[in-house]
Amino acid sequence: MAVYEDSIGQLILQWLRKPEYWSEGSSGTQALWHAYTPKPVTPSELALSRQACGVACDAQPVIKGTLPNRDIAHMAATSLGYLTWGVTNDPMDYGLGDLGGWALDLLQIWGSYLANAPEEDLASWLHAHLGEQDARMGFSYSDVLADCDAWLLARSMQSNSSERSLSTAMRDMFAQSETNRIKRFYQSRFKGSADNLVIAFRKLVDGIDLGIFDNVSGSKKALLIASHADRLPSQAEAGILALSYAESLEKSEPLINHDCDRIAWNDSAIPRNAPLVKRHRVIRAESSVITRTGKTMTSTRNDMIPTRTCEEEEE
């Protein structure tokens, strides 16, 4: 097992993701996880190391479900996605590693919206559900936190290839508060910019790009399966989804639902008579096209993205 000491962290993460994100003989979303984060069975020494690691992990005290706001299986599976496909640092683009994290969760809450409230205003619905304390509609606060932790964890592990890479990364990460970890992710991944996040997510919803190939064949079908939706969001809808996610990262705290559909973030007070009003945010997006002659043409558009907020009524 000594030969695979630098893989111990990944072997532990593979154990932690089970059974929620890895079970034998599965189909649908589980099948996507099998393809996305494969478990190599060769060489035989690696398989034996995984088995020994599993026995050691089984002997440890149970931690799943004992820590508030901590979805350990989610964090582990998403971390493995980044360790398998790479950690992307471009604030205005997505990487294949993001497909098992925040990008997937945005697509899944989109699917939940279509299944539960397709006639409602998307921005208003997201304002009420994305980042909420429970997971009624998907992409709860624990999901938001797990995605942030996974990116931070994988980035640290990639820069420290040793048998202690996982424990070192966890020790550094969990020494910080949940709020600080979310803010650290938002700043490190998207430069703390909602506009960057919108641009990155919009690139995904027309299909997965792979290297020099845009919108790889069959990728839309995979995204639809992952999102449990019958269609992918339009560019405008993708902007609303991404902007709502950015707002949850900026708040960095769980969304608490109150009566009358009023929304508050933890103990922050919003007047009970405060009406919910729509706002719009201007997102500036640029796109480049290379013509057959090799000339690059760049176009710019300003999109109005509706958001939702609370304001006190004027006396």
C-alpha atoms as a PDB file:
ATOM      1  CA  MET A   1       0.000   0.000   0.000  1.00  0.00           C
ATOM      2  CA  ALA A   2       3.000   2.283   0.461  1.00  0.00           C
ATOM      3  CA  VAL A   3       3.215   2.738  -3.319  1.00  0.00           C
ATOM      4  CA  TYR A   4      -0.185   4.467  -3.253  1.00  0.00           C
ATOM      5  CA  GLU A   5       0.292   6.634  -0.173  1.00  0.00           C
ATOM      6  CA  ASP A   6      -0.382   9.791  -2.166  1.00  0.00           C
ATOM      7  CA  SER A   7      -3.775   8.302  -3.141  1.00  0.00           C
ATOM      8  CA  ILE A   8      -4.967   7.785   0.436  1.00  0.00           C
ATOM      9  CA  GLY A   9      -6.913  11.038   0.424  1.00  0.00           C
ATOM     10  CA  GLN A  10      -8.796  10.098  -2.742  1.00  0.00           C
ATOM     11  CA  LEU A  11      -9.480   6.595  -1.417  1.00  0.00           C
ATOM     12  CA  ILE A  12     -11.032   8.083   1.720  1.00  0.00           C
ATOM     13  CA  LEU A  13     -13.162  10.432  -0.392  1.00  0.00           C
ATOM     14  CA  GLN A  14     -14.317   7.470  -2.481  1.00  0.00           C
ATOM     15  CA  TRP A  15     -15.465   5.791   0.725  1.00  0.00           C
ATOM     16  CA  LEU A  16     -17.165   8.922   2.043  1.00  0.00           C
ATOM     17  CA  ARG A  17     -19.272   9.432  -1.108  1.00  0.00           C
ATOM     18  CA  LYS A  18     -21.033   6.075  -0.675  1.00  0.00           C
ATOM     19  CA  PRO A  19     -23.817   5.176  -1.046  1.00  0.00           C
ATOM     20  CA  GLU A  20     -25.371   8.525  -1.971  1.00  0.00           C
ATOM     21  CA  TYR A  21     -23.080   9.130  -4.960  1.00  0.00           C
ATOM     22  CA  TRP A  22     -21.864   5.628  -5.684  1.00  0.00           C
ATOM     23  CA  SER A  23     -23.802   2.382  -5.575  1.00  0.00           C
ATOM     24  CA  GLU A  24     -23.385  -0.690  -7.683  1.00  0.00           C
ATOM     25  CA  GLY A  25     -25.595  -1.422 -10.675  1.00  0.00           C
ATOM     26  CA  SER A  26     -27.171   2.031 -10.787  1.00  0.00           C
ATOM     27  CA  SER A  27     -28.655   3.996 -13.656  1.00  0.00           C
ATOM     28  CA  GLY A  28     -29.686   7.580 -14.316  1.00  0.00           C
ATOM     29  CA  THR A  29     -27.833  10.149 -12.223  1.00  0.00           C
ATOM     30  CA  GLN A  30     -25.886   7.438 -10.400  1.00  0.00           C
ATOM     31  CA  ALA A  31     -24.647   6.108 -13.748  1.00  0.00           C
ATOM     32  CA  LEU A  32     -23.417   9.597 -14.588  1.00  0.00           C
ATOM     33  CA  TRP A  33     -21.433   9.664 -11.345  1.00  0.00           C
ATOM     34  CA  HIS A  34     -19.885   6.293 -12.231  1.00  0.00           C
ATOM     35  CA  ALA A  35     -18.725   7.692 -15.568  1.00  0.00           C
ATOM     36  CA  TYR A  36     -17.728  11.080 -14.152  1.00  0.00           C
ATOM     37  CA  THR A  37     -15.703   9.843 -11.174  1.00  0.00           C
ATOM     38  CA  PRO A  38     -14.618   6.316 -12.131  1.00  0.00           C
ATOM     39  CA  LYS A  39     -13.122   3.950  -9.608  1.00  0.00           C
ATOM     40  CA  PRO A  40     -10.091   2.280 -11.240  1.00  0.00           C
ATOM     41  CA  VAL A  41      -9.839  -1.437 -10.513  1.00  0.00           C
ATOM     42  CA  THR A  42      -6.352  -1.859 -11.937  1.00  0.00           C
ATOM     43  CA  PRO A  43      -3.608  -2.337 -11.029  1.00  0.00           C
ATOM     44  CA  SER A  44      -4.579  -4.929  -8.451  1.00  0.00           C
ATOM     45  CA  GLU A  45      -2.428  -3.234  -5.805  1.00  0.00           C
ATOM     46  CA  LEU A  46      -4.587  -0.127  -6.025  1.00  0.00           C
ATOM     47  CA  ALA A  47      -7.761  -2.174  -5.607  1.00  0.00           C
ATOM     48  CA  LEU A  48      -6.231  -3.846  -2.534  1.00  0.00           C
ATOM     49  CA  SER A  49      -5.277  -0.438  -1.146  1.00  0.00           C
ATOM     50  CA  ARG A  50      -8.861   0.762  -1.624  1.00  0.00           C
ATOM     51  CA  GLN A  51     -10.180  -2.301   0.144  1.00  0.00           C
ATOM     52  CA  ALA A  52      -7.795  -1.819   3.084  1.00  0.00           C
ATOM     53  CA  CYS A  53      -8.739   1.867   3.276  1.00  0.00           C
ATOM     54  CA  GLY A  54     -12.425   0.925   3.337  1.00  0.00           C
ATOM     55  CA  VAL A  55     -11.883  -1.480   6.224  1.00  0.00           C
ATOM     56  CA  ALA A  56     -10.040   1.218   8.170  1.00  0.00           C
ATOM     57  CA  CYS A  57     -12.770   3.779   7.463  1.00  0.00           C
ATOM     58  CA  ASP A  58     -15.528   1.339   8.481  1.00  0.00           C
ATOM     59  CA  ALA A  59     -13.881   1.051  11.895  1.00  0.00           C
ATOM     60  CA  GLN A  60     -14.109   4.823  12.534  1.00  0.00           C
ATOM     61  CA  PRO A  61     -16.977   6.524  14.402  1.00  0.00           C
ATOM     62  CA  VAL A  62     -19.917   7.538  12.216  1.00  0.00           C
ATOM     63  CA  ILE A  63     -19.758  11.212  11.262  1.00  0.00           C
ATOM     64  CA  LYS A  64     -22.383  11.491   8.518  1.00  0.00           C
ATOM     65  CA  GLY A  65     -25.483  13.212   9.807  1.00  0.00           C
ATOM     66  CA  THR A  66     -23.827  14.315  13.042  1.00  0.00           C
ATOM     67  CA  LEU A  67     -22.614  17.735  11.915  1.00  0.00           C
ATOM     68  CA  PRO A  68     -25.024  20.585  11.090  1.00  0.00           C
ATOM     69  CA  ASN A  69     -25.033  21.902   7.519  1.00  0.00           C
ATOM     70  CA  ARG A  70     -22.437  19.308   6.519  1.00  0.00           C
ATOM     71  CA  ASP A  71     -23.280  17.073   3.544  1.00  0.00           C
ATOM     72  CA  ILE A  72     -20.147  14.947   3.659  1.00  0.00           C
ATOM     73  CA  ALA A  73     -21.078  12.599   0.820  1.00  0.00           C
ATOM     74  CA  HIS A  74     -21.804  15.575  -1.456  1.00  0.00           C
ATOM     75  CA  MET A  75     -18.516  17.242  -0.545  1.00  0.00           C
ATOM     76  CA  ALA A  76     -16.582  14.019  -1.145  1.00  0.00           C
ATOM     77  CA  ALA A  77     -18.176  13.282  -4.544  1.00  0.00           C
ATOM     78  CA  THR A  78     -17.683  16.843  -5.760  1.00  0.00           C
ATOM     79  CA  SER A  79     -14.074  16.858  -4.562  1.00  0.00           C
ATOM     80  CA  LEU A  80     -13.440  13.688  -6.559  1.00  0.00           C
ATOM     81  CA  GLY A  81     -14.870  15.399  -9.636  1.00  0.00           C
ATOM     82  CA  TYR A  82     -12.326  18.185  -9.291  1.00  0.00           C
ATOM     83  CA  LEU A  83      -9.471  15.784  -8.562  1.00  0.00           C
ATOM     84  CA  THR A  84     -10.423  13.743 -11.634  1.00  0.00           C
ATOM     85  CA  TRP A  85     -11.064  16.571 -14.103  1.00  0.00           C
ATOM     86  CA  GLY A  86      -9.158  19.485 -12.643  1.00  0.00           C
ATOM     87  CA  VAL A  87      -9.794  22.649 -10.644  1.00  0.00           C
ATOM     88  CA  THR A  88     -10.674  25.599 -12.862  1.00  0.00           C
ATOM     89  CA  ASN A  89      -9.504  29.052 -11.842  1.00  0.00           C
ATOM     90  CA  ASP A  90     -10.788  31.077 -14.802  1.00  0.00           C
ATOM     91  CA  PRO A  91     -13.445  33.284 -13.155  1.00  0.00           C
ATOM     92  CA  MET A  92     -15.431  33.624 -16.392  1.00  0.00           C
ATOM     93  CA  ASP A  93     -15.486  29.995 -17.477  1.00  0.00           C
ATOM     94  CA  TYR A  94     -16.509  26.574 -16.219  1.00  0.00           C
ATOM     95  CA  GLY A  95     -14.372  23.456 -16.177  1.00  0.00           C
ATOM     96  CA  LEU A  96     -15.278  19.787 -16.316  1.00  0.00           C
ATOM     97  CA  GLY A  97     -14.629  19.604 -12.577  1.00  0.00           C
ATOM     98  CA  ASP A  98     -17.442  22.105 -11.985  1.00  0.00           C
ATOM     99  CA  LEU A  99     -19.954  19.708 -13.553  1.00  0.00           C
ATOM    100  CA  GLY A 100     -20.107  17.749 -10.301  1.00  0.00           C
ATOM    101  CA  GLY A 101     -20.400  20.859  -8.145  1.00  0.00           C
ATOM    102  CA  TRP A 102     -22.085  24.248  -8.335  1.00  0.00           C
ATOM    103  CA  ALA A 103     -22.901  23.929 -12.053  1.00  0.00           C
ATOM    104  CA  LEU A 104     -24.720  20.615 -11.546  1.00  0.00           C
ATOM    105  CA  ASP A 105     -26.646  21.970  -8.570  1.00  0.00           C
ATOM    106  CA  LEU A 106     -27.771  24.997 -10.579  1.00  0.00           C
ATOM    107  CA  LEU A 107     -29.060  22.684 -13.316  1.00  0.00           C
ATOM    108  CA  GLN A 108     -30.828  20.492 -10.754  1.00  0.00           C
ATOM    109  CA  ILE A 109     -32.635  23.383  -9.072  1.00  0.00           C
ATOM    110  CA  TRP A 110     -33.651  24.459 -12.579  1.00  0.00           C
ATOM    111  CA  GLY A 111     -35.177  20.999 -13.039  1.00  0.00           C
ATOM    112  CA  SER A 112     -36.928  21.353  -9.688  1.00  0.00           C
ATOM    113  CA  TYR A 113     -38.367  24.706 -10.760  1.00  0.00           C
ATOM    114  CA  LEU A 114     -39.784  23.237 -13.968  1.00  0.00           C
ATOM    115  CA  ALA A 115     -41.268  20.296 -12.067  1.00  0.00           C
ATOM    116  CA  ASN A 116     -42.833  22.314  -9.254  1.00  0.00           C
ATOM    117  CA  ALA A 117     -43.560  25.875 -10.315  1.00  0.00           C
ATOM    118  CA  PRO A 118     -42.984  26.520 -14.041  1.00  0.00           C
ATOM    119  CA  GLU A 119     -45.614  29.266 -14.087  1.00  0.00           C
ATOM    120  CA  GLU A 120     -43.969  31.252 -11.284  1.00  0.00           C
ATOM    121  CA  ASP A 121     -41.425  33.996 -11.870  1.00  0.00           C
ATOM    122  CA  LEU A 122     -38.035  32.233 -11.888  1.00  0.00           C
ATOM    123  CA  ALA A 123     -36.171  34.951  -9.986  1.00  0.00           C
ATOM    124  CA  SER A 124     -38.830  35.073  -7.280  1.00  0.00           C
ATOM    125  CA  TRP A 125     -38.908  31.299  -6.938  1.00  0.00           C
ATOM    126  CA  LEU A 126     -35.122  31.053  -6.663  1.00  0.00           C
ATOM    127  CA  HIS A 127     -35.102  33.870  -4.109  1.00  0.00           C
ATOM    128  CA  ALA A 128     -37.354  31.730  -1.938  1.00  0.00           C
ATOM    129  CA  HIS A 129     -35.566  28.401  -2.362  1.00  0.00           C
ATOM    130  CA  LEU A 130     -31.909  28.541  -3.445  1.00  0.00           C
ATOM    131  CA  GLY A 131     -29.764  28.219  -0.340  1.00  0.00           C
ATOM    132  CA  GLU A 132     -32.648  27.531   2.026  1.00  0.00           C
ATOM    133  CA  GLN A 133     -32.025  25.622   5.238  1.00  0.00           C
ATOM    134  CA  ASP A 134     -33.835  22.457   4.154  1.00  0.00           C
ATOM    135  CA  ALA A 135     -33.543  20.677   0.837  1.00  0.00           C
ATOM    136  CA  ARG A 136     -37.148  20.750  -0.351  1.00  0.00           C
ATOM    137  CA  MET A 137     -36.269  22.001  -3.828  1.00  0.00           C
ATOM    138  CA  GLY A 138     -32.598  21.128  -4.089  1.00  0.00           C
ATOM    139  CA  PHE A 139     -29.502  23.330  -3.820  1.00  0.00           C
ATOM    140  CA  SER A 140     -30.009  23.897  -0.124  1.00  0.00           C
ATOM    141  CA  TYR A 141     -27.529  25.708   2.098  1.00  0.00           C
ATOM    142  CA  SER A 142     -25.744  22.423   2.851  1.00  0.00           C
ATOM    143  CA  ASP A 143     -25.334  21.908  -0.916  1.00  0.00           C
ATOM    144  CA  VAL A 144     -23.955  25.424  -1.348  1.00  0.00           C
ATOM    145  CA  LEU A 145     -21.476  24.810   1.463  1.00  0.00           C
ATOM    146  CA  ALA A 146     -20.495  21.347   0.172  1.00  0.00           C
ATOM    147  CA  ASP A 147     -19.701  22.751  -3.286  1.00  0.00           C
ATOM    148  CA  CYS A 148     -17.542  25.510  -1.806  1.00  0.00           C
ATOM    149  CA  ASP A 149     -15.729  23.137   0.546  1.00  0.00           C
ATOM    150  CA  ALA A 150     -15.116  20.623  -2.264  1.00  0.00           C
ATOM    151  CA  TRP A 151     -13.458  23.205  -4.512  1.00  0.00           C
ATOM    152  CA  LEU A 152     -11.262  24.494  -1.682  1.00  0.00           C
ATOM    153  CA  LEU A 153     -10.411  20.945  -0.608  1.00  0.00           C
ATOM    154  CA  ALA A 154      -9.476  19.726  -4.083  1.00  0.00           C
ATOM    155  CA  ARG A 155      -7.399  22.805  -4.843  1.00  0.00           C
ATOM    156  CA  SER A 156      -5.418  22.275  -1.646  1.00  0.00           C
ATOM    157  CA  MET A 157      -4.973  18.541  -2.301  1.00  0.00           C
ATOM    158  CA  GLN A 158      -3.713  19.166  -5.822  1.00  0.00           C
ATOM    159  CA  SER A 159      -1.007  21.449  -4.511  1.00  0.00           C
ATOM    160  CA  ASN A 160       0.017  18.992  -1.775  1.00  0.00           C
ATOM    161  CA  SER A 161       0.433  15.494  -3.173  1.00  0.00           C
ATOM    162  CA  SER A 162       1.152  13.380  -0.107  1.00  0.00           C
ATOM    163  CA  GLU A 163      -0.472  10.777   2.129  1.00  0.00           C
ATOM    164  CA  ARG A 164      -1.653  13.622   4.365  1.00  0.00           C
ATOM    165  CA  SER A 165      -3.071  15.863   1.626  1.00  0.00           C
ATOM    166  CA  LEU A 166      -6.682  15.313   2.707  1.00  0.00           C
ATOM    167  CA  SER A 167      -6.159  15.763   6.442  1.00  0.00           C
ATOM    168  CA  THR A 168      -3.987  18.833   5.879  1.00  0.00           C
ATOM    169  CA  ALA A 169      -6.581  20.413   3.592  1.00  0.00           C
ATOM    170  CA  MET A 170      -9.429  19.636   6.000  1.00  0.00           C
ATOM    171  CA  ARG A 171      -7.549  20.991   8.986  1.00  0.00           C
ATOM    172  CA  ASP A 172      -6.926  24.292   7.216  1.00  0.00           C
ATOM    173  CA  MET A 173     -10.436  24.550   5.757  1.00  0.00           C
ATOM    174  CA  PHE A 174     -12.491  23.617   8.819  1.00  0.00           C
ATOM    175  CA  ALA A 175     -10.511  25.999  10.998  1.00  0.00           C
ATOM    176  CA  GLN A 176     -12.525  28.693   9.213  1.00  0.00           C
ATOM    177  CA  SER A 177     -16.194  29.457   9.713  1.00  0.00           C
ATOM    178  CA  GLU A 178     -18.789  28.419   7.142  1.00  0.00           C
ATOM    179  CA  THR A 179     -19.259  32.055   6.156  1.00  0.00           C
ATOM    180  CA  ASN A 180     -15.548  32.545   5.555  1.00  0.00           C
ATOM    181  CA  ARG A 181     -15.257  29.363   3.515  1.00  0.00           C
ATOM    182  CA  ILE A 182     -18.115  30.390   1.237  1.00  0.00           C
ATOM    183  CA  LYS A 183     -16.668  33.871   0.800  1.00  0.00           C
ATOM    184  CA  ARG A 184     -13.215  32.404   0.179  1.00  0.00           C
ATOM    185  CA  PHE A 185     -14.602  30.183  -2.570  1.00  0.00           C
ATOM    186  CA  TYR A 186     -16.564  33.023  -4.171  1.00  0.00           C
ATOM    187  CA  GLN A 187     -13.528  35.302  -4.202  1.00  0.00           C
ATOM    188  CA  SER A 188     -11.037  32.651  -5.320  1.00  0.00           C
ATOM    189  CA  ARG A 189     -13.254  31.028  -7.958  1.00  0.00           C
ATOM    190  CA  PHE A 190     -15.146  34.016  -9.432  1.00  0.00           C
ATOM    191  CA  LYS A 191     -13.156  36.985  -8.122  1.00  0.00           C
ATOM    192  CA  GLY A 192     -16.226  37.824  -6.035  1.00  0.00           C
ATOM    193  CA  SER A 193     -18.096  38.891  -9.173  1.00  0.00           C
ATOM    194  CA  ALA A 194     -21.682  37.940  -9.994  1.00  0.00           C
ATOM    195  CA  ASP A 195     -21.070  39.007 -13.586  1.00  0.00           C
ATOM    196  CA  ASN A 196     -18.232  36.476 -13.903  1.00  0.00           C
ATOM    197  CA  LEU A 197     -20.439  33.714 -12.535  1.00  0.00           C
ATOM    198  CA  VAL A 198     -23.218  34.540 -14.992  1.00  0.00           C
ATOM    199  CA  ILE A 199     -20.822  34.470 -17.947  1.00  0.00           C
ATOM    200  CA  ALA A 200     -19.342  31.132 -16.819  1.00  0.00           C
ATOM    201  CA  PHE A 201     -22.700  29.400 -16.378  1.00  0.00           C
ATOM    202  CA  ARG A 202     -24.144  30.708 -19.622  1.00  0.00           C
ATOM    203  CA  LYS A 203     -21.352  28.947 -21.504  1.00  0.00           C
ATOM    204  CA  LEU A 204     -22.553  25.592 -20.172  1.00  0.00           C
ATOM    205  CA  VAL A 205     -26.267  25.589 -20.931  1.00  0.00           C
ATOM    206  CA  ASP A 206     -25.888  25.085 -24.680  1.00  0.00           C
ATOM    207  CA  GLY A 207     -23.715  21.981 -24.211  1.00  0.00           C
ATOM    208  CA  ILE A 208     -20.404  20.914 -22.725  1.00  0.00           C
ATOM    209  CA  ASP A 209     -17.211  22.204 -24.328  1.00  0.00           C
ATOM    210  CA  LEU A 210     -14.225  19.848 -24.448  1.00  0.00           C
ATOM    211  CA  GLY A 211     -10.887  21.303 -25.457  1.00  0.00           C
ATOM    212  CA  ILE A 212     -11.221  22.865 -28.886  1.00  0.00           C
ATOM    213  CA  PHE A 213     -14.646  21.273 -29.395  1.00  0.00           C
ATOM    214  CA  ASP A 214     -17.728  23.291 -28.453  1.00  0.00           C
ATOM    215  CA  ASN A 215     -21.029  21.715 -27.411  1.00  0.00           C
ATOM    216  CA  VAL A 216     -19.843  18.111 -27.645  1.00  0.00           C
ATOM    217  CA  SER A 217     -22.379  15.748 -29.213  1.00  0.00           C
ATOM    218  CA  GLY A 218     -24.559  14.055 -26.606  1.00  0.00           C
ATOM    219  CA  SER A 219     -23.590  16.486 -23.853  1.00  0.00           C
ATOM    220  CA  LYS A 220     -26.985  18.196 -23.844  1.00  0.00           C
ATOM    221  CA  LYS A 221     -28.661  14.855 -23.189  1.00  0.00           C
ATOM    222  CA  ALA A 222     -26.313  14.223 -20.261  1.00  0.00           C
ATOM    223  CA  LEU A 223     -27.095  17.669 -18.821  1.00  0.00           C
ATOM    224  CA  LEU A 224     -30.832  17.012 -19.163  1.00  0.00           C
ATOM    225  CA  ILE A 225     -30.498  13.695 -17.338  1.00  0.00           C
ATOM    226  CA  ALA A 226     -28.490  15.356 -14.582  1.00  0.00           C
ATOM    227  CA  SER A 227     -30.981  18.203 -14.207  1.00  0.00           C
ATOM    228  CA  HIS A 228     -34.099  15.982 -14.415  1.00  0.00           C
ATOM    229  CA  ALA A 229     -35.505  18.521 -16.851  1.00  0.00           C
ATOM    230  CA  ASP A 230     -37.081  18.345 -20.290  1.00  0.00           C
ATOM    231  CA  ARG A 231     -35.169  21.383 -21.504  1.00  0.00           C
ATOM    232  CA  LEU A 232     -32.099  23.375 -20.580  1.00  0.00           C
ATOM    233  CA  PRO A 233     -32.421  27.016 -19.495  1.00  0.00           C
ATOM    234  CA  SER A 234     -32.195  29.755 -22.088  1.00  0.00           C
ATOM    235  CA  GLN A 235     -29.382  32.280 -21.891  1.00  0.00           C
ATOM    236  CA  ALA A 236     -31.672  34.679 -20.031  1.00  0.00           C
ATOM    237  CA  GLU A 237     -32.827  31.977 -17.613  1.00  0.00           C
ATOM    238  CA  ALA A 238     -29.225  30.851 -17.085  1.00  0.00           C
ATOM    239  CA  GLY A 239     -28.363  34.416 -16.135  1.00  0.00           C
ATOM    240  CA  ILE A 240     -31.147  34.480 -13.547  1.00  0.00           C
ATOM    241  CA  LEU A 241     -30.004  31.136 -12.097  1.00  0.00           C
ATOM    242  CA  ALA A 242     -26.372  32.219 -11.872  1.00  0.00           C
ATOM    243  CA  LEU A 243     -27.194  35.590 -10.394  1.00  0.00           C
ATOM    244  CA  SER A 244     -29.366  33.993  -7.710  1.00  0.00           C
ATOM    245  CA  TYR A 245     -26.490  31.662  -6.851  1.00  0.00           C
ATOM    246  CA  ALA A 246     -24.117  34.632  -6.661  1.00  0.00           C
ATOM    247  CA  GLU A 247     -26.487  36.331  -4.236  1.00  0.00           C
ATOM    248  CA  SER A 248     -26.499  33.241  -2.008  1.00  0.00           C
ATOM    249  CA  LEU A 249     -22.696  33.217  -2.009  1.00  0.00           C
ATOM    250  CA  GLU A 250     -22.599  36.891  -1.124  1.00  0.00           C
ATOM    251  CA  LYS A 251     -24.957  36.289   1.807  1.00  0.00           C
ATOM    252  CA  SER A 252     -22.914  33.249   2.928  1.00  0.00           C
ATOM    253  CA  GLU A 253     -25.628  32.138   5.344  1.00  0.00           C
ATOM    254  CA  PRO A 254     -28.579  29.738   5.199  1.00  0.00           C
ATOM    255  CA  LEU A 255     -31.887  31.031   3.931  1.00  0.00           C
ATOM    256  CA  ILE A 256     -34.613  30.780   6.587  1.00  0.00           C
ATOM    257  CA  ASN A 257     -38.187  30.646   5.325  1.00  0.00           C
ATOM    258  CA  HIS A 258     -40.786  32.510   7.374  1.00  0.00           C
ATOM    259  CA  ASP A 259     -44.536  32.836   7.094  1.00  0.00           C
ATOM    260  CA  CYS A 260     -46.188  34.752   4.263  1.00  0.00           C
ATOM    261  CA  ASP A 261     -43.268  33.842   2.006  1.00  0.00           C
ATOM    262  CA  ARG A 262     -41.082  36.460   3.694  1.00  0.00           C
ATOM    263  CA  ILE A 263     -37.387  35.708   3.491  1.00  0.00           C
ATOM    264  CA  ALA A 264     -34.632  36.463   6.003  1.00  0.00           C
ATOM    265  CA  TRP A 265     -31.016  35.432   6.167  1.00  0.00           C
ATOM    266  CA  ASN A 266     -30.372  34.022   9.660  1.00  0.00           C
ATOM    267  CA  ASP A 267     -31.028  36.784  12.183  1.00  0.00           C
ATOM    268  CA  SER A 268     -30.924  39.707   9.768  1.00  0.00           C
ATOM    269  CA  ALA A 269     -34.175  41.589  10.199  1.00  0.00           C
ATOM    270  CA  ILE A 270     -36.429  42.406   7.299  1.00  0.00           C
ATOM    271  CA  PRO A 271     -39.509  44.430   8.261  1.00  0.00           C
ATOM    272  CA  ARG A 272     -42.620  42.263   8.187  1.00  0.00           C
ATOM    273  CA  ASN A 273     -44.411  44.876   6.108  1.00  0.00           C
ATOM    274  CA  ALA A 274     -41.614  45.005   3.540  1.00  0.00           C
ATOM    275  CA  PRO A 275     -42.938  44.332   0.049  1.00  0.00           C
ATOM    276  CA  LEU A 276     -40.980  42.072  -2.260  1.00  0.00           C
ATOM    277  CA  VAL A 277     -40.027  44.032  -5.351  1.00  0.00           C
ATOM    278  CA  LYS A 278     -38.238  43.140  -8.528  1.00  0.00           C
ATOM    279  CA  ARG A 279     -34.928  44.649  -9.413  1.00  0.00           C
ATOM    280  CA  HIS A 280     -32.799  44.277 -12.517  1.00  0.00           C
ATOM    281  CA  ARG A 281     -29.064  43.880 -12.805  1.00  0.00           C
ATOM    282  CA  VAL A 282     -27.179  44.650 -16.006  1.00  0.00           C
ATOM    283  CA  ILE A 283     -24.875  41.836 -17.064  1.00  0.00           C
ATOM    284  CA  ARG A 284     -22.325  42.700 -19.729  1.00  0.00           C
ATOM    285  CA  ALA A 285     -21.408  39.669 -21.835  1.00  0.00           C
ATOM    286  CA  GLU A 286     -18.913  39.373 -24.646  1.00  0.00           C
ATOM    287  CA  SER A 287     -18.691  36.586 -27.201  1.00  0.00           C
ATOM    288  CA  SER A 288     -16.069  35.978 -29.845  1.00  0.00           C
ATOM    289  CA  VAL A 289     -16.438  34.202 -33.174  1.00  0.00           C
ATOM    290  CA  ILE A 290     -13.564  33.191 -35.459  1.00  0.00           C
ATOM    291  CA  THR A 291     -14.566  33.558 -39.091  1.00  0.00           C
ATOM    292  CA  ARG A 292     -13.410  31.264 -41.888  1.00  0.00           C
ATOM    293  CA  THR A 293     -10.754  33.810 -42.795  1.00  0.00           C
ATOM    294  CA  GLY A 294      -9.305  33.596 -39.296  1.00  0.00           C
ATOM    295  CA  LYS A 295     -10.500  37.023 -38.195  1.00  0.00           C
ATOM    296  CA  THR A 296     -11.909  37.271 -34.677  1.00  0.00           C
ATOM    297  CA  MET A 297     -15.130  39.212 -34.282  1.00  0.00           C
ATOM    298  CA  THR A 298     -16.295  40.157 -30.805  1.00  0.00           C
ATOM    299  CA  SER A 299     -19.829  41.193 -29.904  1.00  0.00           C
ATOM    300  CA  THR A 300     -21.030  42.695 -26.640  1.00  0.00           C
ATOM    301  CA  ARG A 301     -24.516  42.713 -25.165  1.00  0.00           C
ATOM    302  CA  ASN A 302     -26.031  44.071 -21.996  1.00  0.00           C
ATOM    303  CA  ASP A 303     -28.718  41.863 -20.495  1.00  0.00           C
ATOM    304  CA  MET A 304     -31.233  42.892 -17.875  1.00  0.00           C
ATOM    305  CA  ILE A 305     -31.388  40.123 -15.285  1.00  0.00           C
ATOM    306  CA  PRO A 306     -34.384  40.347 -12.920  1.00  0.00           C
ATOM    307  CA  THR A 307     -33.654  39.831  -9.226  1.00  0.00           C
ATOM    308  CA  ARG A 308     -35.768  40.037  -6.133  1.00  0.00           C
ATOM    309  CA  THR A 309     -35.163  41.976  -2.960  1.00  0.00           C
ATOM    310  CA  CYS A 310     -36.922  43.518   0.016  1.00  0.00           C
ATOM    311  CA  GLU A 311     -37.400  47.199   0.646  1.00  0.00           C
ATOM    312  CA  GLU A 312     -39.076  49.003   3.480  1.00  0.00           C
ATOM    313  CA  GLU A 313     -42.290  50.705   2.607  1.00  0.00           C
ATOM    314  CA  GLU A 314     -42.064  54.440   2.594  1.00  0.00           C
ATOM    315  CA  GLU A 315     -43.825  56.056   5.476  1.00  0.00           C
END
